[in-house]
């Protein structure tokens, strides 16, 4: 019984040591070409992030202008309605006025 436990412990230890040696011997190193490509990709990422930020700012300005134009349109429509209402009453705009005949 003790022999089996010891044998199991030793075999697990040996497998662990072999696994560690195998994994540590395969250290991956980046090549100069890969490093240059990575730097280029990071530069492109920064450029795209700047572009996104610029477009978001532009979108905000455009939305503000749209809201301003909608407010102007609402004011124009209310003035137009007022003028149409007064025009429909023409020439009797002042009901209490009676011209001298």
Protein backbone atom coordinates (compact mmCIF):
# COMPACT_ATOMS: atom_id res chain seq x y z
CA UNK A 1 0.00 0.00 0.00
CA UNK A 2 2.79 2.40 0.97
CA UNK A 3 4.71 1.34 -2.07
CA UNK A 4 1.82 2.26 -4.39
CA UNK A 5 1.41 5.67 -2.74
CA UNK A 6 5.11 6.39 -2.99
CA UNK A 7 5.21 5.18 -6.58
CA UNK A 8 2.24 7.43 -7.45
CA UNK A 9 3.86 10.45 -5.78
CA UNK A 10 7.16 9.84 -7.52
CA UNK A 11 5.50 9.38 -10.91
CA UNK A 12 3.47 12.61 -10.48
CA UNK A 13 6.65 14.43 -9.46
CA UNK A 14 8.57 13.08 -12.46
CA UNK A 15 5.76 13.98 -14.88
CA UNK A 16 5.57 17.47 -13.40
CA UNK A 17 9.32 17.99 -13.71
CA UNK A 18 9.33 16.72 -17.30
CA UNK A 19 6.39 18.99 -18.12
CA UNK A 20 8.11 22.03 -16.63
CA UNK A 21 11.34 21.32 -18.51
CA UNK A 22 9.46 20.80 -21.76
CA UNK A 23 7.46 24.00 -21.44
CA UNK A 24 10.41 26.13 -20.33
CA UNK A 25 12.62 24.95 -23.16
CA UNK A 26 10.08 26.18 -25.73
CA UNK A 27 10.36 29.86 -24.97
CA UNK A 28 8.92 31.85 -27.83
CA UNK A 29 10.82 34.93 -28.88
CA UNK A 30 9.46 37.63 -31.10
CA UNK A 31 11.36 38.32 -34.29
CA UNK A 32 12.31 41.78 -35.54
CA UNK A 33 9.76 41.47 -38.33
CA UNK A 34 7.01 40.59 -35.87
CA UNK A 35 8.07 43.47 -33.61
CA UNK A 36 7.92 45.90 -36.53
CA UNK A 37 4.51 44.56 -37.53
CA UNK A 38 3.28 44.89 -33.93
CA UNK A 39 4.49 48.50 -33.78
CA UNK A 40 2.77 49.26 -37.08
CA UNK A 41 -0.46 47.73 -35.82
CA UNK A 42 -0.27 49.77 -32.62
CA UNK A 43 0.32 52.94 -34.68
CA UNK A 44 -2.71 52.11 -36.80
CA UNK A 45 -4.76 51.47 -33.67
CA UNK A 46 -3.84 54.90 -32.25
CA UNK A 47 -4.68 56.51 -35.57
CA UNK A 48 -8.06 54.78 -35.69
CA UNK A 49 -8.80 55.70 -32.07
CA UNK A 50 -8.03 59.35 -32.89
CA UNK A 51 -10.30 59.12 -35.93
CA UNK A 52 -13.11 57.69 -33.82
CA UNK A 53 -12.74 60.47 -31.25
CA UNK A 54 -12.80 63.11 -34.02
CA UNK A 55 -15.91 61.60 -35.60
CA UNK A 56 -17.68 61.47 -32.23
CA UNK A 57 -16.92 65.14 -31.66
CA UNK A 58 -18.14 65.97 -35.16
CA UNK A 59 -21.31 63.96 -34.55
CA UNK A 60 -21.94 65.94 -31.37
CA UNK A 61 -21.55 69.23 -33.23
CA UNK A 62 -23.87 68.04 -36.01
CA UNK A 63 -26.50 66.93 -33.49
CA UNK A 64 -26.32 70.33 -31.80
CA UNK A 65 -26.79 72.07 -35.14
CA UNK A 66 -29.74 69.80 -36.00
CA UNK A 67 -31.40 70.60 -32.68
CA UNK A 68 -30.81 74.32 -33.27
CA UNK A 69 -32.36 74.06 -36.76
CA UNK A 70 -35.36 72.16 -35.34
CA UNK A 71 -35.90 74.94 -32.82
CA UNK A 72 -35.74 77.54 -35.61
CA UNK A 73 -38.21 75.49 -37.66
CA UNK A 74 -40.59 75.28 -34.73
CA UNK A 75 -40.42 79.08 -34.28
CA UNK A 76 -41.01 79.67 -37.99
CA UNK A 77 -43.97 77.29 -38.01
CA UNK A 78 -45.55 79.01 -35.01
CA UNK A 79 -45.10 82.43 -36.69
CA UNK A 80 -46.55 81.02 -39.92
CA UNK A 81 -49.58 79.69 -38.05
CA UNK A 82 -50.08 83.06 -36.38
CA UNK A 83 -49.90 84.87 -39.74
CA UNK A 84 -52.32 82.38 -41.35
CA UNK A 85 -54.71 82.84 -38.46
CA UNK A 86 -54.62 86.63 -38.78
CA UNK A 87 -54.86 86.44 -42.55
CA UNK A 88 -57.99 84.31 -42.33
CA UNK A 89 -59.65 87.14 -40.38
CA UNK A 90 -58.62 89.80 -42.88
CA UNK A 91 -59.93 92.58 -43.23
CA UNK A 92 -61.81 92.16 -39.99
CA UNK A 93 -58.67 91.90 -37.87
CA UNK A 94 -60.04 94.38 -35.37
CA UNK A 95 -63.64 93.34 -34.78
CA UNK A 96 -64.54 96.41 -32.78
CA UNK A 97 -63.39 98.80 -35.52
CA UNK A 98 -65.98 100.14 -37.88
CA UNK A 99 -64.76 102.36 -40.69
CA UNK A 100 -66.55 105.64 -41.45
CA UNK A 101 -68.60 105.33 -44.58
